[in-house]
């Protein structure tokens, strides 16, 4: 099945949200803390409102799930999943690593994904069966097969001490040629584009993963949660080049 119309819509919606976010940052951002201590800004809420209005106009029968509370059941068996600003801390601090995540889920599987970094003007996208792209050029995971030559990306290192695997995390990281912790979506896109080989995300929501999952799979990555399941609903995720899948499964205590 082709998703060309949905892809074009999602690309345009993400660019419009990007301009809105940049406008907010230029004129001033108001932030507050959510119950989980993560920040939310007036720009997050405005971008989600924009996404919702565009989806309702273009695809009135589709459902919606958004990080900032948007939720609607649809009649089509499809649902748009929105992270209006992924990396709100980056957005607040004025750096360029925040992005917009928009995905279409059909029959429980993400089939269209957009990852747009407006301050970098860099867009990654994929459709199921259609390949993965960055700004129009195809992307593919790297062919590096040795962990000693691989770049590993590990998110939420500030909370690593709370995790059950804390005692083995540093020894595991030491196996890699280099380690990066630039933020969930950006690290994941490094893997998709062949600039890194491994991404570990210990605590996420479906809107953090829906777009990333389809881009990763279409770029040739392996993707699964800590139980080894291909899902965006497990609360965590691993994405890596095929050669490092046994290493990832061994670290998680899964069957290799």
Foldseek 3Di string as FASTA:
>chain_A
DDDVVVQVLVVVLFLVLLVLLVVCLVVDWDWDADPVRDIDIPSQVVSVVSVVVSCCVPPVQEWEAEPVDGTDHGDPQKYKYWRSKAPVVCSVVVHQPIWIWIFMDHNQATAKIWTARSVVRWIWIGGVVGAIDIPPHGAAFAPDQAQQAFEEEEEPPVCLVVDPLSVCPVVLNVRHVYYDHPHQPVRLVCRLRHNGFKYWFQFDALSSPRRSLRSLVRNQWDKDALARHSHSHPGIMMIGHPSCVVVSCVSSVHDD
